[in-house]
């Protein structure tokens, strides 16, 4: 069944109204007809609907069943990803959205090779947001994770400062039991910030700044993971701990 997202104000007592690019997708790409069923989510509720009317600018669907969204992790996880090379960011976004990330923040770190100017950044972010939406639909998510504009490392640490847990996988960190304890300490309702370095990893100075801000450096095992793998590994571990 096809999955679409709306804002809460687009849902009424007996119907939902879909607007924007999804209208063209429903009418001209999927070629759906009146009476066909779709799944619609507003972030907290999931609506099983049947299409009632197809207009030029909107699609109206009759609500047949309402249930609470159950596909979201009980903790909000924000991934701070050191800007990687080539199209790795697209893979990171797609897979981390599937694993339940709530937000993704691209971060310019000292060992990042890629430099984005304003024009490239905005075009990239639009594409990244579209990948997030597509992955959210495929995974049956209750919301579309937001892809933030590029931040400096200082800005990222400030944005993460109000999170209950700040985790930084680091290849020189040791003690797997400390990692298990850090992951197990995360409780439903708490927010988690995960910092992942770029291909060259973190500089020691960056780790020190993160620790001074309350972060905990953790190990992900005896093997060194690629930048596109590390965030997925932490999200999978947290999903295992948090989901009943």
Protein backbone atom coordinates (compact mmCIF):
# COMPACT_ATOMS: atom_id res chain seq x y z
CA UNK A 1 0.00 0.00 0.00
CA UNK A 2 1.28 3.46 -0.89
CA UNK A 3 2.31 5.71 2.01
CA UNK A 4 1.95 9.52 2.18
CA UNK A 5 2.62 12.24 4.74
CA UNK A 6 0.48 15.21 5.79
CA UNK A 7 0.56 17.89 8.46
CA UNK A 8 -1.87 17.43 11.37
CA UNK A 9 -4.04 20.31 10.17
CA UNK A 10 -4.69 18.43 6.90
CA UNK A 11 -6.67 15.77 8.79
CA UNK A 12 -10.30 16.34 9.77
CA UNK A 13 -12.77 14.07 11.53
CA UNK A 14 -13.63 11.97 8.49
CA UNK A 15 -11.17 12.87 5.75
CA UNK A 16 -7.62 13.95 4.96
CA UNK A 17 -6.44 16.32 2.25
CA UNK A 18 -3.17 15.67 0.45
CA UNK A 19 -1.45 18.60 -1.26
CA UNK A 20 1.90 19.39 -2.87
CA UNK A 21 4.00 17.09 -5.05
CA UNK A 22 2.17 13.98 -3.82
CA UNK A 23 -0.91 15.08 -5.78
CA UNK A 24 0.93 14.72 -9.09
CA UNK A 25 2.49 11.46 -7.90
CA UNK A 26 -0.89 9.96 -7.02
CA UNK A 27 -2.67 11.15 -10.18
CA UNK A 28 -0.06 11.00 -12.93
CA UNK A 29 2.66 8.62 -11.76
CA UNK A 30 0.73 6.00 -9.81
CA UNK A 31 -2.46 6.70 -11.80
CA UNK A 32 -4.59 5.91 -8.78
CA UNK A 33 -8.38 6.01 -8.97
CA UNK A 34 -11.24 6.92 -6.65
CA UNK A 35 -11.81 4.08 -4.20
CA UNK A 36 -8.19 2.87 -4.03
CA UNK A 37 -6.67 2.63 -0.56
CA UNK A 38 -3.68 4.56 0.74
CA UNK A 39 -1.93 4.96 4.08
CA UNK A 40 -1.49 8.53 5.38
CA UNK A 41 0.55 9.64 8.41
CA UNK A 42 0.65 12.97 10.24
CA UNK A 43 3.49 12.11 12.61
CA UNK A 44 1.37 10.80 15.47
CA UNK A 45 -1.54 9.04 13.76
CA UNK A 46 -1.76 6.63 10.86
CA UNK A 47 -4.87 6.77 8.67
CA UNK A 48 -6.09 3.98 6.43
CA UNK A 49 -7.98 5.85 3.72
CA UNK A 50 -9.72 5.41 0.41
CA UNK A 51 -9.39 8.07 -2.26
CA UNK A 52 -12.63 10.06 -2.52
CA UNK A 53 -11.78 12.88 -4.91
CA UNK A 54 -8.95 13.82 -7.28
CA UNK A 55 -8.67 17.54 -7.99
CA UNK A 56 -6.05 19.65 -9.74
CA UNK A 57 -4.31 20.82 -6.54
CA UNK A 58 -5.36 18.28 -3.93
CA UNK A 59 -6.48 14.74 -3.25
CA UNK A 60 -9.23 14.09 -0.70
CA UNK A 61 -9.33 10.71 1.01
CA UNK A 62 -11.98 9.26 3.31
CA UNK A 63 -10.67 7.99 6.66
CA UNK A 64 -11.61 4.35 7.23
CA UNK A 65 -9.40 3.53 10.19
CA UNK A 66 -7.19 5.49 12.61
CA UNK A 67 -4.37 4.16 14.77
CA UNK A 68 -1.43 5.61 16.65
CA UNK A 69 1.89 5.63 14.83
CA UNK A 70 4.01 2.77 16.15
CA UNK A 71 6.93 2.85 13.72
CA UNK A 72 8.97 5.53 15.51
CA UNK A 73 11.72 4.85 18.03
CA UNK A 74 10.77 5.91 21.58
CA UNK A 75 13.82 8.23 21.70
CA UNK A 76 14.70 11.03 19.31
CA UNK A 77 18.08 10.35 17.76
CA UNK A 78 19.99 13.09 15.95
CA UNK A 79 22.87 12.04 13.70
CA UNK A 80 25.68 14.59 13.31
CA UNK A 81 27.52 13.32 10.25
CA UNK A 82 30.94 14.57 9.21
CA UNK A 83 30.53 15.54 5.56
CA UNK A 84 31.71 12.55 3.46
CA UNK A 85 32.96 12.34 -0.10
CA UNK A 86 31.02 11.50 -3.28
CA UNK A 87 27.48 10.20 -2.82
CA UNK A 88 28.06 8.52 0.56
CA UNK A 89 25.76 11.02 2.27
CA UNK A 90 22.86 9.75 0.19
CA UNK A 91 23.44 6.20 1.40
CA UNK A 92 23.82 7.37 4.99
CA UNK A 93 20.53 9.28 4.84
CA UNK A 94 18.59 6.46 3.23
CA UNK A 95 19.74 3.74 5.61
CA UNK A 96 19.65 5.83 8.80
CA UNK A 97 16.09 6.95 8.01
CA UNK A 98 15.16 3.29 7.62
CA UNK A 99 16.74 2.61 11.03
CA UNK A 100 14.73 5.33 12.78
CA UNK A 101 16.87 8.48 12.95
CA UNK A 102 14.87 11.63 13.78
CA UNK A 103 17.16 14.30 12.30
CA UNK A 104 20.42 14.34 10.34
CA UNK A 105 22.89 17.22 10.57
CA UNK A 106 25.75 17.42 8.03
CA UNK A 107 28.82 18.81 9.83
CA UNK A 108 31.97 20.43 8.45
CA UNK A 109 34.83 18.88 10.42
CA UNK A 110 38.57 19.45 10.14
CA UNK A 111 39.29 16.31 8.14
CA UNK A 112 36.37 16.72 5.74
CA UNK A 113 37.62 16.77 2.16
CA UNK A 114 34.38 18.08 0.65
CA UNK A 115 33.67 21.81 0.76
CA UNK A 116 30.21 23.05 -0.24
CA UNK A 117 29.48 26.57 -1.41
CA UNK A 118 26.04 28.08 -0.77
CA UNK A 119 24.57 27.14 -4.16
CA UNK A 120 25.81 23.55 -4.02
CA UNK A 121 24.72 23.19 -0.41
CA UNK A 122 21.12 24.19 -1.08
CA UNK A 123 20.85 21.90 -4.10
CA UNK A 124 22.39 19.03 -2.13
CA UNK A 125 20.08 19.57 0.83
CA UNK A 126 16.98 19.50 -1.39
CA UNK A 127 18.12 16.19 -2.85
CA UNK A 128 18.99 14.82 0.59
CA UNK A 129 15.56 15.82 1.92
CA UNK A 130 13.89 14.06 -1.01
CA UNK A 131 15.90 10.91 -0.24
CA UNK A 132 14.79 11.16 3.39
CA UNK A 133 11.14 11.39 2.33
CA UNK A 134 11.44 8.44 -0.05
CA UNK A 135 13.14 6.30 2.59
CA UNK A 136 10.54 7.28 5.20
CA UNK A 137 7.73 6.18 2.89
CA UNK A 138 9.45 2.89 2.09
CA UNK A 139 10.07 2.16 5.78
CA UNK A 140 6.55 3.06 6.89
CA UNK A 141 7.83 5.86 9.12
CA UNK A 142 5.44 8.18 10.92
CA UNK A 143 7.39 11.29 9.91
CA UNK A 144 10.00 12.52 7.47
CA UNK A 145 13.35 13.09 9.23
CA UNK A 146 14.65 16.60 8.70
CA UNK A 147 18.01 17.10 6.94
CA UNK A 148 19.54 20.27 8.37
CA UNK A 149 21.71 22.82 6.60
CA UNK A 150 25.45 22.25 6.96
CA UNK A 151 26.79 23.22 10.40
CA UNK A 152 30.27 23.95 11.69
CA UNK A 153 31.57 21.64 14.43
CA UNK A 154 31.07 24.42 16.99
CA UNK A 155 27.46 24.93 15.87
CA UNK A 156 26.83 21.18 15.98
CA UNK A 157 28.11 20.86 19.56
CA UNK A 158 25.90 23.76 20.61
CA UNK A 159 22.85 22.17 18.94
CA UNK A 160 23.60 18.87 20.68
CA UNK A 161 24.15 20.43 24.11
CA UNK A 162 20.55 19.99 25.31
CA UNK A 163 20.43 16.28 24.46
CA UNK A 164 20.49 13.83 27.39
CA UNK A 165 23.12 11.64 25.69
CA UNK A 166 25.95 12.60 23.32
CA UNK A 167 27.79 9.60 21.88
CA UNK A 168 30.96 9.81 19.79
CA UNK A 169 32.24 6.57 18.25
CA UNK A 170 36.04 6.92 18.13
CA UNK A 171 38.57 4.40 16.84
CA UNK A 172 40.91 4.98 19.80
CA UNK A 173 38.21 4.48 22.41
CA UNK A 174 38.30 1.24 24.39
CA UNK A 175 36.15 -0.77 26.81
CA UNK A 176 33.18 -2.36 25.07
CA UNK A 177 31.39 -2.69 28.41
CA UNK A 178 31.39 1.11 28.72
CA UNK A 179 29.74 1.27 25.29
CA UNK A 180 27.10 -1.25 26.37
CA UNK A 181 26.46 0.77 29.52
CA UNK A 182 26.17 4.03 27.53
CA UNK A 183 23.65 2.53 25.12
CA UNK A 184 21.67 0.85 27.89
CA UNK A 185 21.46 4.16 29.76
CA UNK A 186 19.29 5.65 27.01
CA UNK A 187 15.64 5.63 28.11
CA UNK A 188 12.43 6.17 26.11
CA UNK A 189 11.65 9.86 25.76
CA UNK A 190 15.28 10.95 25.97
CA UNK A 191 17.19 12.57 23.11
CA UNK A 192 20.45 11.19 21.77
CA UNK A 193 23.12 12.92 19.68
CA UNK A 194 25.49 10.73 17.68
CA UNK A 195 28.63 12.30 16.19
CA UNK A 196 30.30 10.48 13.29
CA UNK A 197 33.62 11.62 11.85
CA UNK A 198 34.38 11.90 8.11
CA UNK A 199 36.65 9.50 6.19
CA UNK A 200 39.77 10.73 8.00
CA UNK A 201 38.14 10.43 11.40
CA UNK A 202 38.12 12.94 14.24
CA UNK A 203 41.09 14.99 15.30
CA UNK A 204 42.00 14.58 18.98
CA UNK A 205 41.08 18.22 19.53
CA UNK A 206 37.54 17.59 18.25
CA UNK A 207 37.10 14.65 20.61
CA UNK A 208 38.34 16.77 23.50
CA UNK A 209 35.85 19.53 22.67
CA UNK A 210 33.00 17.02 22.50
CA UNK A 211 33.95 15.45 25.83
CA UNK A 212 34.12 18.93 27.39
CA UNK A 213 30.53 19.40 26.21
CA UNK A 214 29.42 16.22 27.98
CA UNK A 215 29.94 13.68 25.19
CA UNK A 216 31.08 10.13 25.78
CA UNK A 217 33.58 8.56 23.41
CA UNK A 218 32.57 4.96 22.70
CA UNK A 219 33.99 2.02 20.80
CA UNK A 220 32.06 0.01 18.22
CA UNK A 221 34.39 -2.97 18.47
CA UNK A 222 37.85 -3.98 17.34
CA UNK A 223 37.25 -3.17 13.71
CA UNK A 224 37.42 0.34 12.23
CA UNK A 225 34.14 1.14 10.48
CA UNK A 226 33.76 3.41 7.48
CA UNK A 227 32.03 6.75 8.00
CA UNK A 228 28.98 5.48 6.09
CA UNK A 229 28.76 2.40 8.34
CA UNK A 230 29.36 3.78 11.83
CA UNK A 231 26.13 5.77 12.21
CA UNK A 232 24.05 2.83 10.99
CA UNK A 233 25.76 0.56 13.52
CA UNK A 234 24.95 2.86 16.45
CA UNK A 235 21.34 3.29 15.31
CA UNK A 236 20.90 -0.47 15.00
CA UNK A 237 22.31 -0.96 18.49
CA UNK A 238 20.03 1.71 19.96
CA UNK A 239 17.02 0.27 18.14
CA UNK A 240 17.75 -3.11 19.73
CA UNK A 241 17.97 -1.52 23.19
CA UNK A 242 14.94 0.77 22.89
CA UNK A 243 12.31 -1.17 20.95
CA UNK A 244 10.08 -3.59 22.80
